[in-house]
């Protein structure tokens, strides 16, 4: 059931990976994202600049409702209408970028969702994803349930990590 994907976009040329799990299934038991990549793109994440040039790699349905910017990052396209991202250069400086996923965590998640499995990298990224729960605790501590205007930047950051902060 393995499927090969070949990537040719602005950041990768001729990169190839195998999808060995069914799309959206067989996740590590420690990884329970609340949002799919399609849902994240439709809600509005990363100021609309993420994945504009790599649509051929993923299902067309992911992009039918996606909020994508025409040119530069637009925080108003984010669900909480705030910028909650650091620049890619900062991600590289901090060592957060894995060589096979030059766009970072969300690219890893999209490929993981598609069925790619890289055990060591998957474990690293799942650990990073789990570390985001500290933001959930802060929202619960300082905001009333459903108070979406409270801590919008943290809520947007959680959306970037597939946590549905609208439900906190």
Protein backbone atom coordinates (compact mmCIF):
# COMPACT_ATOMS: atom_id res chain seq x y z
CA UNK A 1 0.00 0.00 0.00
CA UNK A 2 3.05 2.26 -0.13
CA UNK A 3 2.67 5.42 -2.21
CA UNK A 4 5.59 7.46 -3.50
CA UNK A 5 5.41 11.25 -3.51
CA UNK A 6 7.89 13.37 -5.47
CA UNK A 7 8.14 17.02 -4.45
CA UNK A 8 9.13 19.84 -6.78
CA UNK A 9 8.39 23.24 -5.24
CA UNK A 10 10.31 26.40 -4.31
CA UNK A 11 12.07 24.74 -1.37
CA UNK A 12 12.59 21.17 -2.57
CA UNK A 13 13.36 19.69 -5.99
CA UNK A 14 13.19 15.97 -6.57
CA UNK A 15 12.58 15.17 -2.89
CA UNK A 16 10.89 11.78 -2.67
CA UNK A 17 9.14 10.10 0.23
CA UNK A 18 7.05 7.00 0.78
CA UNK A 19 3.63 7.01 2.40
CA UNK A 20 3.28 3.71 4.22
CA UNK A 21 0.20 4.47 6.37
CA UNK A 22 -3.30 5.28 5.16
CA UNK A 23 -4.07 8.99 4.89
CA UNK A 24 -5.11 10.37 8.27
CA UNK A 25 -4.74 7.05 10.08
CA UNK A 26 -2.38 4.96 12.17
CA UNK A 27 -0.94 7.88 14.16
CA UNK A 28 1.39 7.30 17.08
CA UNK A 29 -0.77 6.88 20.20
CA UNK A 30 0.93 9.92 21.77
CA UNK A 31 -0.10 12.13 18.84
CA UNK A 32 -3.76 13.14 18.82
CA UNK A 33 -4.11 16.36 16.82
CA UNK A 34 -7.52 18.01 17.05
CA UNK A 35 -7.41 19.49 13.55
CA UNK A 36 -6.52 18.07 10.15
CA UNK A 37 -4.25 20.02 7.80
CA UNK A 38 -7.32 20.81 5.66
CA UNK A 39 -9.18 22.21 8.68
CA UNK A 40 -6.16 24.27 9.73
CA UNK A 41 -5.80 25.82 6.29
CA UNK A 42 -9.52 26.64 6.18
CA UNK A 43 -9.45 28.26 9.62
CA UNK A 44 -6.50 30.44 8.70
CA UNK A 45 -2.95 29.75 9.84
CA UNK A 46 0.52 31.19 9.24
CA UNK A 47 -0.83 34.44 7.76
CA UNK A 48 -1.85 32.58 4.62
CA UNK A 49 1.69 32.18 3.29
CA UNK A 50 2.18 28.53 4.06
CA UNK A 51 2.01 25.92 1.28
CA UNK A 52 1.02 28.21 -1.57
CA UNK A 53 3.60 26.70 -3.93
CA UNK A 54 3.28 23.04 -2.92
CA UNK A 55 -0.35 22.27 -3.62
CA UNK A 56 0.53 19.46 -6.02
CA UNK A 57 1.94 17.43 -3.12
CA UNK A 58 -1.32 17.29 -1.17
CA UNK A 59 -5.00 16.60 -1.91
CA UNK A 60 -6.72 19.38 -3.85
CA UNK A 61 -9.53 19.33 -1.28
CA UNK A 62 -7.14 20.75 1.34
CA UNK A 63 -7.04 24.01 -0.62
CA UNK A 64 -10.68 24.53 -1.64
CA UNK A 65 -11.42 26.58 1.51
CA UNK A 66 -7.84 27.48 2.46
CA UNK A 67 -7.15 31.06 3.47
CA UNK A 68 -4.04 31.88 1.46
CA UNK A 69 -2.39 35.26 0.95
CA UNK A 70 -1.84 36.62 -2.53
CA UNK A 71 1.61 37.93 -1.67
CA UNK A 72 3.05 38.62 1.77
CA UNK A 73 1.92 37.31 5.16
CA UNK A 74 -1.45 38.70 6.23
CA UNK A 75 -2.29 38.17 9.92
CA UNK A 76 -5.93 39.03 9.15
CA UNK A 77 -6.17 35.69 7.33
CA UNK A 78 -5.41 33.91 10.61
CA UNK A 79 -8.47 32.76 12.55
CA UNK A 80 -7.61 35.05 15.48
CA UNK A 81 -6.38 37.81 13.13
CA UNK A 82 -3.00 38.10 14.86
CA UNK A 83 0.54 37.14 13.92
CA UNK A 84 1.61 34.16 16.02
CA UNK A 85 4.58 32.99 13.95
CA UNK A 86 8.28 33.47 14.03
CA UNK A 87 10.17 33.88 10.77
CA UNK A 88 11.57 30.75 9.13
CA UNK A 89 15.09 32.11 9.66
CA UNK A 90 14.45 32.03 13.42
CA UNK A 91 13.21 28.43 13.21
CA UNK A 92 16.45 27.49 11.44
CA UNK A 93 18.57 29.38 13.99
CA UNK A 94 16.92 27.46 16.83
CA UNK A 95 17.47 24.11 15.11
CA UNK A 96 13.77 23.37 14.73
CA UNK A 97 13.98 22.56 11.01
CA UNK A 98 14.55 18.98 9.88
CA UNK A 99 16.35 18.68 6.55
CA UNK A 100 13.51 16.76 4.88
CA UNK A 101 10.88 19.31 5.98
CA UNK A 102 12.38 22.75 5.28
CA UNK A 103 9.06 24.49 6.06
CA UNK A 104 8.94 23.15 9.61
CA UNK A 105 6.45 21.41 11.86
CA UNK A 106 3.34 21.92 9.73
CA UNK A 107 5.03 20.44 6.68
CA UNK A 108 6.06 17.46 8.81
CA UNK A 109 2.44 17.13 10.04
CA UNK A 110 1.02 17.29 6.52
CA UNK A 111 3.39 14.56 5.37
CA UNK A 112 2.75 12.49 8.48
CA UNK A 113 -0.99 12.88 7.87
CA UNK A 114 -0.44 11.69 4.29
CA UNK A 115 1.21 8.52 5.64
CA UNK A 116 4.94 9.22 5.68
CA UNK A 117 6.67 7.72 8.70
CA UNK A 118 10.19 8.63 9.82
CA UNK A 119 10.47 7.14 13.34
CA UNK A 120 13.18 9.39 14.80
CA UNK A 121 11.82 12.59 13.28
CA UNK A 122 8.24 11.63 14.11
CA UNK A 123 9.21 11.18 17.77
CA UNK A 124 10.98 14.57 17.83
CA UNK A 125 8.06 16.40 16.24
CA UNK A 126 5.45 14.68 18.41
CA UNK A 127 7.45 15.73 21.48
CA UNK A 128 7.46 19.34 20.22
CA UNK A 129 3.70 19.11 19.58
CA UNK A 130 3.07 17.82 23.13
CA UNK A 131 5.11 20.70 24.57
CA UNK A 132 2.52 23.14 23.23
CA UNK A 133 0.06 22.03 25.92
CA UNK A 134 1.62 24.59 28.29
CA UNK A 135 -0.27 27.22 26.28
CA UNK A 136 -3.54 25.38 26.87
CA UNK A 137 -2.89 25.58 30.61
CA UNK A 138 -2.28 29.33 30.41
CA UNK A 139 -5.47 29.93 28.45
CA UNK A 140 -7.46 27.86 30.95
CA UNK A 141 -5.89 29.77 33.84
CA UNK A 142 -6.37 33.29 32.51
CA UNK A 143 -9.44 33.08 30.24
CA UNK A 144 -13.05 32.14 30.77
CA UNK A 145 -14.24 29.14 28.70
CA UNK A 146 -15.07 30.24 25.15
CA UNK A 147 -13.59 33.73 25.63
CA UNK A 148 -11.96 33.81 22.19
CA UNK A 149 -10.65 37.38 22.55
CA UNK A 150 -8.50 36.32 25.50
CA UNK A 151 -4.91 35.42 24.64
CA UNK A 152 -5.53 35.44 20.89
CA UNK A 153 -1.85 35.09 20.02
CA UNK A 154 -1.52 31.93 22.13
CA UNK A 155 -4.77 30.59 20.71
CA UNK A 156 -3.51 31.21 17.16
CA UNK A 157 -0.20 29.51 17.98
CA UNK A 158 -2.13 26.49 19.22
CA UNK A 159 -4.06 26.39 15.93
CA UNK A 160 -0.70 26.30 14.16
CA UNK A 161 0.01 23.09 16.10
CA UNK A 162 -3.35 21.39 15.35
CA UNK A 163 -4.89 22.15 18.75
CA UNK A 164 -8.39 23.56 18.41
CA UNK A 165 -8.10 26.50 20.77
CA UNK A 166 -11.65 27.59 19.98
CA UNK A 167 -12.78 24.82 22.34
CA UNK A 168 -10.83 26.00 25.39
